[in-house]
Amino acid sequence: MTSEASRRTPTLEDVAKAAGVSRATVSRVVNGITSVDPRIRTVVTQAIEATGYIPNAAARTLVNRRSGTVALVISGSDGSADQIFRDPFFGRIAGGVVRHLRSGGMHPTLMLADSDQARRDAVDFVRRGNADGALLVSTHAGDLLPRLFVDAGIPAVLFARPAVPVPISFVDLDHEAGAALAADRLADLGCRRVVTIAGPADLPAANDRLSGFQRAMERRGVPYVDVVRGNFTAESGEQAMAELLDAVPDADGVFAANDLMAVGALRVLHERGRSVPGDVALIGFDDSEPALMARPRLTTVAQPVEDMAARMTAILLDQLGTPATKLTSVVFTPELIIRESA
């Protein structure tokens, strides 16, 4: 026979008992207070799942004036939706955000801002109280979205350094150092006719990778590197590689500024009868799923996107918990992952 206790709705007290903590501690976790020790938060989260406790969202909103939701806003150019959702980079960001929010009982709302009106709508959505703050991912240099959120006084954190200085916290990678790792690897392999497929000229990360690669090659005795820019898609990588082979038919080393463009380059190299890594060493950037799916598997510069997204989320939650929190930036260190292509 089912007992009365098993039929009733689980309460905060039930969670507290299961977790071995006070009711107040459970309440802080449920309400997304960031000062709770991460280990205690994990124990309470597990107790919530074990007991089946469901926080009362309406009551929580009345208490702390929060929605329990964070907007994840991906800002692109007109017609960029297809490219965004095909690129594993954005899925990795979403994964890191969701994982961190889940531990605090919060949820993301995904928004695609691919026009000026959509960007204004995103700001209004958060300002009306539908979300407590915003995580911003900008895909082009002229993007006004970070400035719109800052001017509106909305808590927000940006993925990647803003192209135009804006007083906003951000996380980023040391892209120049990552590209230098690729250059040193190619130089160590004896490559002298090196070419590179760079990213879009209006993105700071793409330019940092290009300049970091060029300077590192100069230090290794290669004063000039042929460059063709792509737009971080496999198709643009194919086109760029074809142009580079036409200009430098004896190329023996290629650095592509992301893994998708490296995959496109690999296709063209195979079509032109160039073996990888026998004739040409090939290195990508990101360490995303395409790097593992390629044959040969790609040597690539790892960008810890999930960890960066989680840190970005943690910074925002700190801002929400302590509004007076100072702006901050966190720059991650890249790592070269050596596989078969170089």
C-alpha atoms as a PDB file:
ATOM      1  CA  MET A   1       0.000   0.000   0.000  1.00  0.00           C
ATOM      2  CA  THR A   2       1.317   3.465  -0.883  1.00  0.00           C
ATOM      3  CA  SER A   3       2.039   5.529   2.232  1.00  0.00           C
ATOM      4  CA  GLU A   4       0.714   9.035   2.854  1.00  0.00           C
ATOM      5  CA  ALA A   5       4.294  10.374   2.834  1.00  0.00           C
ATOM      6  CA  SER A   6       5.022   8.897  -0.590  1.00  0.00           C
ATOM      7  CA  ARG A   7       1.812  10.396  -2.043  1.00  0.00           C
ATOM      8  CA  ARG A   8       2.331  13.972  -0.857  1.00  0.00           C
ATOM      9  CA  THR A   9       4.294  16.574  -2.813  1.00  0.00           C
ATOM     10  CA  PRO A  10       7.969  16.757  -1.756  1.00  0.00           C
ATOM     11  CA  THR A  11       8.893  19.890   0.179  1.00  0.00           C
ATOM     12  CA  LEU A  12      12.026  21.897   0.901  1.00  0.00           C
ATOM     13  CA  GLU A  13      12.236  20.087   4.226  1.00  0.00           C
ATOM     14  CA  ASP A  14      12.313  16.725   2.421  1.00  0.00           C
ATOM     15  CA  VAL A  15      15.175  17.902   0.223  1.00  0.00           C
ATOM     16  CA  ALA A  16      17.044  19.322   3.227  1.00  0.00           C
ATOM     17  CA  LYS A  17      16.721  16.023   5.090  1.00  0.00           C
ATOM     18  CA  ALA A  18      17.907  14.013   2.070  1.00  0.00           C
ATOM     19  CA  ALA A  19      20.867  16.328   1.502  1.00  0.00           C
ATOM     20  CA  GLY A  20      21.779  16.687   5.156  1.00  0.00           C
ATOM     21  CA  VAL A  21      21.663  20.471   5.044  1.00  0.00           C
ATOM     22  CA  SER A  22      19.377  23.189   6.363  1.00  0.00           C
ATOM     23  CA  ARG A  23      16.150  24.304   4.712  1.00  0.00           C
ATOM     24  CA  ALA A  24      17.742  27.728   4.188  1.00  0.00           C
ATOM     25  CA  THR A  25      20.606  26.189   2.226  1.00  0.00           C
ATOM     26  CA  VAL A  26      18.184  24.340  -0.038  1.00  0.00           C
ATOM     27  CA  SER A  27      16.278  27.587  -0.549  1.00  0.00           C
ATOM     28  CA  ARG A  28      19.466  29.392  -1.596  1.00  0.00           C
ATOM     29  CA  VAL A  29      20.261  26.701  -4.157  1.00  0.00           C
ATOM     30  CA  VAL A  30      16.709  26.712  -5.530  1.00  0.00           C
ATOM     31  CA  ASN A  31      16.743  30.507  -5.800  1.00  0.00           C
ATOM     32  CA  GLY A  32      20.035  30.511  -7.693  1.00  0.00           C
ATOM     33  CA  ILE A  33      22.154  32.227  -5.050  1.00  0.00           C
ATOM     34  CA  THR A  34      25.728  31.853  -6.296  1.00  0.00           C
ATOM     35  CA  SER A  35      27.496  32.051  -2.925  1.00  0.00           C
ATOM     36  CA  VAL A  36      26.607  28.419  -2.107  1.00  0.00           C
ATOM     37  CA  ASP A  37      29.635  26.105  -2.073  1.00  0.00           C
ATOM     38  CA  PRO A  38      29.666  24.134  -5.375  1.00  0.00           C
ATOM     39  CA  ARG A  39      29.966  20.811  -3.529  1.00  0.00           C
ATOM     40  CA  ILE A  40      26.923  21.599  -1.403  1.00  0.00           C
ATOM     41  CA  ARG A  41      25.059  22.759  -4.501  1.00  0.00           C
ATOM     42  CA  THR A  42      25.761  19.413  -6.138  1.00  0.00           C
ATOM     43  CA  VAL A  43      24.521  17.482  -3.091  1.00  0.00           C
ATOM     44  CA  VAL A  44      21.326  19.555  -2.947  1.00  0.00           C
ATOM     45  CA  THR A  45      20.756  19.192  -6.701  1.00  0.00           C
ATOM     46  CA  GLN A  46      21.051  15.422  -6.380  1.00  0.00           C
ATOM     47  CA  ALA A  47      18.616  15.460  -3.443  1.00  0.00           C
ATOM     48  CA  ILE A  48      16.145  17.498  -5.485  1.00  0.00           C
ATOM     49  CA  GLU A  49      16.284  14.876  -8.241  1.00  0.00           C
ATOM     50  CA  ALA A  50      16.012  12.007  -5.761  1.00  0.00           C
ATOM     51  CA  THR A  51      12.997  13.424  -3.933  1.00  0.00           C
ATOM     52  CA  GLY A  52      11.245  14.693  -7.034  1.00  0.00           C
ATOM     53  CA  TYR A  53      10.937  18.176  -5.562  1.00  0.00           C
ATOM     54  CA  ILE A  54       9.707  20.777  -8.068  1.00  0.00           C
ATOM     55  CA  PRO A  55      10.368  24.421  -7.157  1.00  0.00           C
ATOM     56  CA  ASN A  56       7.360  26.710  -7.345  1.00  0.00           C
ATOM     57  CA  ALA A  57       8.452  29.104 -10.052  1.00  0.00           C
ATOM     58  CA  ALA A  58       5.707  31.642  -9.382  1.00  0.00           C
ATOM     59  CA  ALA A  59       6.473  31.771  -5.670  1.00  0.00           C
ATOM     60  CA  ARG A  60      10.201  32.006  -6.331  1.00  0.00           C
ATOM     61  CA  THR A  61       9.638  34.941  -8.684  1.00  0.00           C
ATOM     62  CA  LEU A  62       7.599  36.763  -6.048  1.00  0.00           C
ATOM     63  CA  VAL A  63      10.324  36.251  -3.450  1.00  0.00           C
ATOM     64  CA  ASN A  64      13.384  37.260  -5.421  1.00  0.00           C
ATOM     65  CA  ARG A  65      11.860  39.006  -8.445  1.00  0.00           C
ATOM     66  CA  ARG A  66      13.655  36.601 -10.752  1.00  0.00           C
ATOM     67  CA  SER A  67      12.372  34.473 -13.603  1.00  0.00           C
ATOM     68  CA  GLY A  68      14.880  31.652 -13.140  1.00  0.00           C
ATOM     69  CA  THR A  69      15.737  32.052 -16.827  1.00  0.00           C
ATOM     70  CA  VAL A  70      18.791  33.356 -18.653  1.00  0.00           C
ATOM     71  CA  ALA A  71      18.700  34.447 -22.289  1.00  0.00           C
ATOM     72  CA  LEU A  72      21.359  32.928 -24.543  1.00  0.00           C
ATOM     73  CA  VAL A  73      21.446  35.386 -27.435  1.00  0.00           C
ATOM     74  CA  ILE A  74      23.336  34.482 -30.599  1.00  0.00           C
ATOM     75  CA  SER A  75      23.726  37.581 -32.709  1.00  0.00           C
ATOM     76  CA  GLY A  76      24.444  37.124 -36.388  1.00  0.00           C
ATOM     77  CA  SER A  77      23.957  38.856 -39.711  1.00  0.00           C
ATOM     78  CA  ASP A  78      20.833  38.600 -41.847  1.00  0.00           C
ATOM     79  CA  GLY A  79      20.332  35.076 -43.123  1.00  0.00           C
ATOM     80  CA  SER A  80      22.970  33.581 -40.815  1.00  0.00           C
ATOM     81  CA  ALA A  81      20.644  31.136 -39.042  1.00  0.00           C
ATOM     82  CA  ASP A  82      21.526  28.154 -41.239  1.00  0.00           C
ATOM     83  CA  GLN A  83      25.262  28.656 -40.761  1.00  0.00           C
ATOM     84  CA  ILE A  84      24.902  29.134 -37.006  1.00  0.00           C
ATOM     85  CA  PHE A  85      22.946  25.944 -36.453  1.00  0.00           C
ATOM     86  CA  ARG A  86      25.238  23.894 -38.697  1.00  0.00           C
ATOM     87  CA  ASP A  87      28.369  24.978 -36.849  1.00  0.00           C
ATOM     88  CA  PRO A  88      29.144  22.676 -33.872  1.00  0.00           C
ATOM     89  CA  PHE A  89      30.799  25.638 -32.144  1.00  0.00           C
ATOM     90  CA  PHE A  90      27.445  27.091 -31.131  1.00  0.00           C
ATOM     91  CA  GLY A  91      26.126  23.751 -29.934  1.00  0.00           C
ATOM     92  CA  ARG A  92      29.142  23.423 -27.673  1.00  0.00           C
ATOM     93  CA  ILE A  93      28.462  26.854 -26.185  1.00  0.00           C
ATOM     94  CA  ALA A  94      24.841  25.907 -25.525  1.00  0.00           C
ATOM     95  CA  GLY A  95      25.944  22.650 -23.894  1.00  0.00           C
ATOM     96  CA  GLY A  96      28.292  24.429 -21.492  1.00  0.00           C
ATOM     97  CA  VAL A  97      25.628  26.990 -20.596  1.00  0.00           C
ATOM     98  CA  VAL A  98      22.884  24.420 -19.978  1.00  0.00           C
ATOM     99  CA  ARG A  99      25.119  22.244 -17.824  1.00  0.00           C
ATOM    100  CA  HIS A 100      26.054  25.119 -15.522  1.00  0.00           C
ATOM    101  CA  LEU A 101      22.557  26.580 -15.299  1.00  0.00           C
ATOM    102  CA  ARG A 102      21.060  23.189 -14.470  1.00  0.00           C
ATOM    103  CA  SER A 103      23.120  22.937 -11.288  1.00  0.00           C
ATOM    104  CA  GLY A 104      21.435  26.112 -10.051  1.00  0.00           C
ATOM    105  CA  GLY A 105      17.916  25.130 -11.095  1.00  0.00           C
ATOM    106  CA  MET A 106      17.887  27.734 -13.873  1.00  0.00           C
ATOM    107  CA  HIS A 107      17.071  27.428 -17.552  1.00  0.00           C
ATOM    108  CA  PRO A 108      18.197  29.089 -20.797  1.00  0.00           C
ATOM    109  CA  THR A 109      16.049  30.713 -23.443  1.00  0.00           C
ATOM    110  CA  LEU A 110      17.750  30.576 -26.842  1.00  0.00           C
ATOM    111  CA  MET A 111      17.319  33.660 -29.002  1.00  0.00           C
ATOM    112  CA  LEU A 112      18.677  34.279 -32.504  1.00  0.00           C
ATOM    113  CA  ALA A 113      19.189  37.977 -33.148  1.00  0.00           C
ATOM    114  CA  ASP A 114      19.945  38.160 -36.866  1.00  0.00           C
ATOM    115  CA  SER A 115      18.675  41.696 -37.558  1.00  0.00           C
ATOM    116  CA  ASP A 116      18.676  45.077 -35.854  1.00  0.00           C
ATOM    117  CA  GLN A 117      15.031  44.614 -34.904  1.00  0.00           C
ATOM    118  CA  ALA A 118      15.709  41.133 -33.501  1.00  0.00           C
ATOM    119  CA  ARG A 119      18.524  42.577 -31.378  1.00  0.00           C
ATOM    120  CA  ARG A 120      16.220  45.256 -29.991  1.00  0.00           C
ATOM    121  CA  ASP A 121      13.583  42.593 -29.350  1.00  0.00           C
ATOM    122  CA  ALA A 122      16.114  40.537 -27.383  1.00  0.00           C
ATOM    123  CA  VAL A 123      16.905  43.511 -25.148  1.00  0.00           C
ATOM    124  CA  ASP A 124      13.189  44.199 -24.604  1.00  0.00           C
ATOM    125  CA  PHE A 125      12.547  40.520 -23.820  1.00  0.00           C
ATOM    126  CA  VAL A 126      15.018  40.563 -20.947  1.00  0.00           C
ATOM    127  CA  ARG A 127      14.096  44.069 -19.785  1.00  0.00           C
ATOM    128  CA  ARG A 128      10.442  42.994 -19.402  1.00  0.00           C
ATOM    129  CA  GLY A 129      11.525  40.399 -16.844  1.00  0.00           C
ATOM    130  CA  ASN A 130      11.297  37.303 -19.040  1.00  0.00           C
ATOM    131  CA  ALA A 131      14.942  36.553 -18.221  1.00  0.00           C
ATOM    132  CA  ASP A 132      17.238  37.674 -15.413  1.00  0.00           C
ATOM    133  CA  GLY A 133      20.238  38.417 -17.613  1.00  0.00           C
ATOM    134  CA  ALA A 134      21.846  37.532 -20.913  1.00  0.00           C
ATOM    135  CA  LEU A 135      24.734  35.519 -22.312  1.00  0.00           C
ATOM    136  CA  LEU A 136      25.791  37.061 -25.602  1.00  0.00           C
ATOM    137  CA  VAL A 137      27.508  35.375 -28.534  1.00  0.00           C
ATOM    138  CA  SER A 138      28.368  37.814 -31.297  1.00  0.00           C
ATOM    139  CA  THR A 139      29.440  36.625 -34.736  1.00  0.00           C
ATOM    140  CA  HIS A 140      30.455  39.862 -36.456  1.00  0.00           C
ATOM    141  CA  ALA A 141      32.494  42.928 -35.578  1.00  0.00           C
ATOM    142  CA  GLY A 142      29.886  45.616 -36.184  1.00  0.00           C
ATOM    143  CA  ASP A 143      27.429  44.005 -33.820  1.00  0.00           C
ATOM    144  CA  LEU A 144      25.660  46.548 -31.600  1.00  0.00           C
ATOM    145  CA  LEU A 145      24.119  43.918 -29.306  1.00  0.00           C
ATOM    146  CA  PRO A 146      26.688  44.183 -26.452  1.00  0.00           C
ATOM    147  CA  ARG A 147      26.301  47.956 -26.393  1.00  0.00           C
ATOM    148  CA  LEU A 148      22.494  47.695 -26.411  1.00  0.00           C
ATOM    149  CA  PHE A 149      22.533  45.473 -23.318  1.00  0.00           C
ATOM    150  CA  VAL A 150      25.079  47.640 -21.524  1.00  0.00           C
ATOM    151  CA  ASP A 151      23.125  50.831 -22.255  1.00  0.00           C
ATOM    152  CA  ALA A 152      19.926  49.158 -21.018  1.00  0.00           C
ATOM    153  CA  GLY A 153      21.613  48.310 -17.708  1.00  0.00           C
ATOM    154  CA  ILE A 154      20.918  44.587 -18.146  1.00  0.00           C
ATOM    155  CA  PRO A 155      23.344  42.066 -16.579  1.00  0.00           C
ATOM    156  CA  ALA A 156      25.174  40.429 -19.485  1.00  0.00           C
ATOM    157  CA  VAL A 157      28.390  38.573 -20.294  1.00  0.00           C
ATOM    158  CA  LEU A 158      29.958  38.202 -23.728  1.00  0.00           C
ATOM    159  CA  PHE A 159      31.594  35.163 -25.306  1.00  0.00           C
ATOM    160  CA  ALA A 160      34.804  36.549 -26.911  1.00  0.00           C
ATOM    161  CA  ARG A 161      36.409  39.938 -26.599  1.00  0.00           C
ATOM    162  CA  PRO A 162      34.241  42.684 -28.117  1.00  0.00           C
ATOM    163  CA  ALA A 163      35.535  44.079 -31.406  1.00  0.00           C
ATOM    164  CA  VAL A 164      34.754  47.609 -30.213  1.00  0.00           C
ATOM    165  CA  PRO A 165      35.528  48.398 -26.555  1.00  0.00           C
ATOM    166  CA  VAL A 166      32.392  48.015 -24.423  1.00  0.00           C
ATOM    167  CA  PRO A 167      32.226  47.904 -20.597  1.00  0.00           C
ATOM    168  CA  ILE A 168      31.091  44.295 -20.386  1.00  0.00           C
ATOM    169  CA  SER A 169      32.563  41.136 -18.837  1.00  0.00           C
ATOM    170  CA  PHE A 170      33.747  38.493 -21.285  1.00  0.00           C
ATOM    171  CA  VAL A 171      35.510  35.167 -21.675  1.00  0.00           C
ATOM    172  CA  ASP A 172      37.909  34.461 -24.521  1.00  0.00           C
ATOM    173  CA  LEU A 173      40.816  32.341 -25.701  1.00  0.00           C
ATOM    174  CA  ASP A 174      44.406  33.396 -26.328  1.00  0.00           C
ATOM    175  CA  HIS A 175      43.979  32.966 -30.076  1.00  0.00           C
ATOM    176  CA  GLU A 176      47.428  34.240 -30.984  1.00  0.00           C
ATOM    177  CA  ALA A 177      49.050  31.671 -28.710  1.00  0.00           C
ATOM    178  CA  GLY A 178      46.885  28.931 -30.222  1.00  0.00           C
ATOM    179  CA  ALA A 179      47.891  29.843 -33.758  1.00  0.00           C
ATOM    180  CA  ALA A 180      51.531  29.921 -32.673  1.00  0.00           C
ATOM    181  CA  LEU A 181      51.186  26.323 -31.492  1.00  0.00           C
ATOM    182  CA  ALA A 182      50.052  25.373 -35.006  1.00  0.00           C
ATOM    183  CA  ALA A 183      52.933  27.278 -36.598  1.00  0.00           C
ATOM    184  CA  ASP A 184      55.517  25.636 -34.367  1.00  0.00           C
ATOM    185  CA  ARG A 185      54.099  22.190 -35.144  1.00  0.00           C
ATOM    186  CA  LEU A 186      54.340  22.765 -38.894  1.00  0.00           C
ATOM    187  CA  ALA A 187      57.866  24.164 -38.547  1.00  0.00           C
ATOM    188  CA  ASP A 188      58.919  21.199 -36.411  1.00  0.00           C
ATOM    189  CA  LEU A 189      57.663  18.898 -39.172  1.00  0.00           C
ATOM    190  CA  GLY A 190      59.935  20.685 -41.643  1.00  0.00           C
ATOM    191  CA  CYS A 191      57.220  22.536 -43.565  1.00  0.00           C
ATOM    192  CA  ARG A 192      58.589  25.543 -45.478  1.00  0.00           C
ATOM    193  CA  ARG A 193      55.900  26.299 -48.095  1.00  0.00           C
ATOM    194  CA  VAL A 194      53.178  27.077 -45.605  1.00  0.00           C
ATOM    195  CA  VAL A 195      49.766  28.586 -46.381  1.00  0.00           C
ATOM    196  CA  THR A 196      46.830  29.508 -44.192  1.00  0.00           C
ATOM    197  CA  ILE A 197      43.054  29.763 -44.457  1.00  0.00           C
ATOM    198  CA  ALA A 198      42.067  32.662 -42.210  1.00  0.00           C
ATOM    199  CA  GLY A 199      38.655  33.560 -40.839  1.00  0.00           C
ATOM    200  CA  PRO A 200      36.559  36.649 -41.635  1.00  0.00           C
ATOM    201  CA  ALA A 201      38.443  39.945 -41.471  1.00  0.00           C
ATOM    202  CA  ASP A 202      35.774  41.552 -39.261  1.00  0.00           C
ATOM    203  CA  LEU A 203      36.229  39.107 -36.378  1.00  0.00           C
ATOM    204  CA  PRO A 204      38.903  39.828 -33.741  1.00  0.00           C
ATOM    205  CA  ALA A 205      39.472  36.100 -33.098  1.00  0.00           C
ATOM    206  CA  ALA A 206      40.124  35.443 -36.790  1.00  0.00           C
ATOM    207  CA  ASN A 207      42.594  38.302 -37.016  1.00  0.00           C
ATOM    208  CA  ASP A 208      44.345  37.232 -33.810  1.00  0.00           C
ATOM    209  CA  ARG A 209      44.776  33.717 -35.178  1.00  0.00           C
ATOM    210  CA  LEU A 210      46.182  35.039 -38.437  1.00  0.00           C
ATOM    211  CA  SER A 211      48.628  37.466 -36.832  1.00  0.00           C
ATOM    212  CA  GLY A 212      49.687  34.900 -34.239  1.00  0.00           C
ATOM    213  CA  PHE A 213      50.380  32.359 -36.970  1.00  0.00           C
ATOM    214  CA  GLN A 214      52.283  34.786 -39.183  1.00  0.00           C
ATOM    215  CA  ARG A 215      54.476  36.065 -36.360  1.00  0.00           C
ATOM    216  CA  ALA A 216      55.263  32.560 -35.141  1.00  0.00           C
ATOM    217  CA  MET A 217      56.235  31.471 -38.662  1.00  0.00           C
ATOM    218  CA  GLU A 218      58.489  34.517 -38.924  1.00  0.00           C
ATOM    219  CA  ARG A 219      60.219  33.447 -35.727  1.00  0.00           C
ATOM    220  CA  ARG A 220      60.751  30.029 -37.314  1.00  0.00           C
ATOM    221  CA  GLY A 221      62.372  31.506 -40.441  1.00  0.00           C
ATOM    222  CA  VAL A 222      59.342  31.676 -42.764  1.00  0.00           C
ATOM    223  CA  PRO A 223      58.942  35.389 -43.590  1.00  0.00           C
ATOM    224  CA  TYR A 224      55.810  35.165 -45.758  1.00  0.00           C
ATOM    225  CA  VAL A 225      52.676  33.026 -45.678  1.00  0.00           C
ATOM    226  CA  ASP A 226      50.047  33.049 -48.427  1.00  0.00           C
ATOM    227  CA  VAL A 227      46.591  33.773 -47.012  1.00  0.00           C
ATOM    228  CA  VAL A 228      43.051  33.281 -48.278  1.00  0.00           C
ATOM    229  CA  ARG A 229      40.129  34.099 -46.023  1.00  0.00           C
ATOM    230  CA  GLY A 230      37.048  31.960 -45.511  1.00  0.00           C
ATOM    231  CA  ASN A 231      33.929  32.352 -43.376  1.00  0.00           C
ATOM    232  CA  PHE A 232      34.391  29.391 -41.006  1.00  0.00           C
ATOM    233  CA  THR A 233      32.349  26.999 -43.204  1.00  0.00           C
ATOM    234  CA  ALA A 234      33.584  23.820 -44.884  1.00  0.00           C
ATOM    235  CA  GLU A 235      32.563  25.219 -48.266  1.00  0.00           C
ATOM    236  CA  SER A 236      34.702  28.309 -47.787  1.00  0.00           C
ATOM    237  CA  GLY A 237      37.578  26.053 -46.749  1.00  0.00           C
ATOM    238  CA  GLU A 238      37.282  24.164 -50.026  1.00  0.00           C
ATOM    239  CA  GLN A 239      37.317  27.351 -52.071  1.00  0.00           C
ATOM    240  CA  ALA A 240      40.243  28.826 -50.149  1.00  0.00           C
ATOM    241  CA  MET A 241      42.305  25.634 -50.422  1.00  0.00           C
ATOM    242  CA  ALA A 242      41.720  25.501 -54.174  1.00  0.00           C
ATOM    243  CA  GLU A 243      42.898  29.101 -54.530  1.00  0.00           C
ATOM    244  CA  LEU A 244      45.953  28.464 -52.388  1.00  0.00           C
ATOM    245  CA  LEU A 245      46.983  25.364 -54.332  1.00  0.00           C
ATOM    246  CA  ASP A 246      46.640  27.292 -57.576  1.00  0.00           C
ATOM    247  CA  ALA A 247      48.931  29.993 -56.175  1.00  0.00           C
ATOM    248  CA  VAL A 248      51.278  27.695 -54.232  1.00  0.00           C
ATOM    249  CA  PRO A 249      51.158  24.261 -55.882  1.00  0.00           C
ATOM    250  CA  ASP A 250      54.062  22.971 -53.769  1.00  0.00           C
ATOM    251  CA  ALA A 251      52.458  23.927 -50.445  1.00  0.00           C
ATOM    252  CA  ASP A 252      53.536  21.469 -47.752  1.00  0.00           C
ATOM    253  CA  GLY A 253      51.758  22.864 -44.682  1.00  0.00           C
ATOM    254  CA  VAL A 254      48.265  24.305 -44.104  1.00  0.00           C
ATOM    255  CA  PHE A 255      46.781  26.004 -41.068  1.00  0.00           C
ATOM    256  CA  ALA A 256      43.020  26.512 -41.185  1.00  0.00           C
ATOM    257  CA  ALA A 257      41.506  28.887 -38.629  1.00  0.00           C
ATOM    258  CA  ASN A 258      38.773  26.430 -37.682  1.00  0.00           C
ATOM    259  CA  ASP A 259      38.073  22.730 -38.067  1.00  0.00           C
ATOM    260  CA  LEU A 260      35.232  23.121 -40.570  1.00  0.00           C
ATOM    261  CA  MET A 261      37.479  25.000 -42.985  1.00  0.00           C
ATOM    262  CA  ALA A 262      40.179  22.382 -42.400  1.00  0.00           C
ATOM    263  CA  VAL A 263      37.702  19.662 -43.385  1.00  0.00           C
ATOM    264  CA  GLY A 264      36.932  21.572 -46.579  1.00  0.00           C
ATOM    265  CA  ALA A 265      40.654  21.948 -47.271  1.00  0.00           C
ATOM    266  CA  LEU A 266      41.145  18.223 -46.731  1.00  0.00           C
ATOM    267  CA  ARG A 267      38.559  17.406 -49.411  1.00  0.00           C
ATOM    268  CA  VAL A 268      40.349  19.568 -51.983  1.00  0.00           C
ATOM    269  CA  LEU A 269      43.751  18.163 -51.097  1.00  0.00           C
ATOM    270  CA  HIS A 270      42.386  14.638 -51.663  1.00  0.00           C
ATOM    271  CA  GLU A 271      40.809  15.710 -54.960  1.00  0.00           C
ATOM    272  CA  ARG A 272      44.137  17.188 -56.119  1.00  0.00           C
ATOM    273  CA  GLY A 273      45.937  13.959 -55.278  1.00  0.00           C
ATOM    274  CA  ARG A 274      47.834  15.366 -52.293  1.00  0.00           C
ATOM    275  CA  SER A 275      48.167  12.985 -49.385  1.00  0.00           C
ATOM    276  CA  VAL A 276      47.738  14.196 -45.813  1.00  0.00           C
ATOM    277  CA  PRO A 277      50.091  14.197 -43.961  1.00  0.00           C
ATOM    278  CA  GLY A 278      52.488  12.654 -46.511  1.00  0.00           C
ATOM    279  CA  ASP A 279      52.529  15.574 -48.956  1.00  0.00           C
ATOM    280  CA  VAL A 280      50.814  18.241 -46.897  1.00  0.00           C
ATOM    281  CA  ALA A 281      50.495  18.634 -43.132  1.00  0.00           C
ATOM    282  CA  LEU A 282      47.118  20.080 -42.118  1.00  0.00           C
ATOM    283  CA  ILE A 283      46.120  21.693 -38.802  1.00  0.00           C
ATOM    284  CA  GLY A 284      42.723  23.045 -37.743  1.00  0.00           C
ATOM    285  CA  PHE A 285      41.445  25.036 -34.785  1.00  0.00           C
ATOM    286  CA  ASP A 286      38.716  24.347 -32.153  1.00  0.00           C
ATOM    287  CA  ASP A 287      38.984  20.567 -31.584  1.00  0.00           C
ATOM    288  CA  SER A 288      35.351  20.083 -32.544  1.00  0.00           C
ATOM    289  CA  GLU A 289      33.520  16.964 -33.742  1.00  0.00           C
ATOM    290  CA  PRO A 290      34.519  17.465 -37.415  1.00  0.00           C
ATOM    291  CA  ALA A 291      38.174  17.099 -36.379  1.00  0.00           C
ATOM    292  CA  LEU A 292      37.444  13.592 -35.111  1.00  0.00           C
ATOM    293  CA  MET A 293      35.219  12.670 -38.053  1.00  0.00           C
ATOM    294  CA  ALA A 294      37.808  13.638 -40.682  1.00  0.00           C
ATOM    295  CA  ARG A 295      40.095  11.028 -42.247  1.00  0.00           C
ATOM    296  CA  PRO A 296      42.833  11.370 -41.353  1.00  0.00           C
ATOM    297  CA  ARG A 297      41.730  12.820 -38.031  1.00  0.00           C
ATOM    298  CA  LEU A 298      42.788  16.425 -37.666  1.00  0.00           C
ATOM    299  CA  THR A 299      45.584  17.769 -35.564  1.00  0.00           C
ATOM    300  CA  THR A 300      43.983  20.900 -34.124  1.00  0.00           C
ATOM    301  CA  VAL A 301      44.257  23.649 -31.555  1.00  0.00           C
ATOM    302  CA  ALA A 302      41.805  22.908 -28.755  1.00  0.00           C
ATOM    303  CA  GLN A 303      39.491  25.654 -27.611  1.00  0.00           C
ATOM    304  CA  PRO A 304      37.697  24.552 -24.402  1.00  0.00           C
ATOM    305  CA  VAL A 305      34.367  25.982 -25.564  1.00  0.00           C
ATOM    306  CA  GLU A 306      32.223  24.150 -23.017  1.00  0.00           C
ATOM    307  CA  ASP A 307      34.416  25.308 -20.118  1.00  0.00           C
ATOM    308  CA  MET A 308      34.438  28.851 -21.481  1.00  0.00           C
ATOM    309  CA  ALA A 309      30.634  28.848 -21.761  1.00  0.00           C
ATOM    310  CA  ALA A 310      30.292  27.507 -18.225  1.00  0.00           C
ATOM    311  CA  ARG A 311      32.627  30.229 -16.909  1.00  0.00           C
ATOM    312  CA  MET A 312      30.680  32.877 -18.799  1.00  0.00           C
ATOM    313  CA  THR A 313      27.505  31.593 -17.141  1.00  0.00           C
ATOM    314  CA  ALA A 314      29.123  31.585 -13.702  1.00  0.00           C
ATOM    315  CA  ILE A 315      30.187  35.216 -14.153  1.00  0.00           C
ATOM    316  CA  LEU A 316      26.621  36.197 -15.043  1.00  0.00           C
ATOM    317  CA  LEU A 317      25.173  34.336 -12.060  1.00  0.00           C
ATOM    318  CA  ASP A 318      27.677  36.131  -9.814  1.00  0.00           C
ATOM    319  CA  GLN A 319      26.463  39.431 -11.246  1.00  0.00           C
ATOM    320  CA  LEU A 320      22.856  38.466 -10.551  1.00  0.00           C
ATOM    321  CA  GLY A 321      23.662  37.393  -7.012  1.00  0.00           C
ATOM    322  CA  THR A 322      25.847  40.420  -6.289  1.00  0.00           C
ATOM    323  CA  PRO A 323      24.844  43.330  -8.542  1.00  0.00           C
ATOM    324  CA  ALA A 324      27.879  45.382  -7.449  1.00  0.00           C
ATOM    325  CA  THR A 325      30.275  42.745  -8.876  1.00  0.00           C
ATOM    326  CA  LYS A 326      33.057  44.385 -10.904  1.00  0.00           C
ATOM    327  CA  LEU A 327      33.544  43.684 -14.593  1.00  0.00           C
ATOM    328  CA  THR A 328      35.943  40.866 -15.337  1.00  0.00           C
ATOM    329  CA  SER A 329      37.586  39.035 -18.221  1.00  0.00           C
ATOM    330  CA  VAL A 330      38.812  35.442 -18.326  1.00  0.00           C
ATOM    331  CA  VAL A 331      41.211  34.358 -21.079  1.00  0.00           C
ATOM    332  CA  PHE A 332      41.689  30.600 -21.514  1.00  0.00           C
ATOM    333  CA  THR A 333      44.890  28.863 -22.641  1.00  0.00           C
ATOM    334  CA  PRO A 334      44.803  26.807 -25.879  1.00  0.00           C
ATOM    335  CA  GLU A 335      46.309  23.356 -26.330  1.00  0.00           C
ATOM    336  CA  LEU A 336      47.599  21.570 -29.432  1.00  0.00           C
ATOM    337  CA  ILE A 337      45.945  18.176 -29.967  1.00  0.00           C
ATOM    338  CA  ILE A 338      48.181  16.058 -32.204  1.00  0.00           C
ATOM    339  CA  ARG A 339      46.458  13.475 -34.399  1.00  0.00           C
ATOM    340  CA  GLU A 340      47.153  12.012 -37.842  1.00  0.00           C
ATOM    341  CA  SER A 341      46.924  15.039 -40.156  1.00  0.00           C
ATOM    342  CA  ALA A 342      50.115  16.751 -38.922  1.00  0.00           C
END
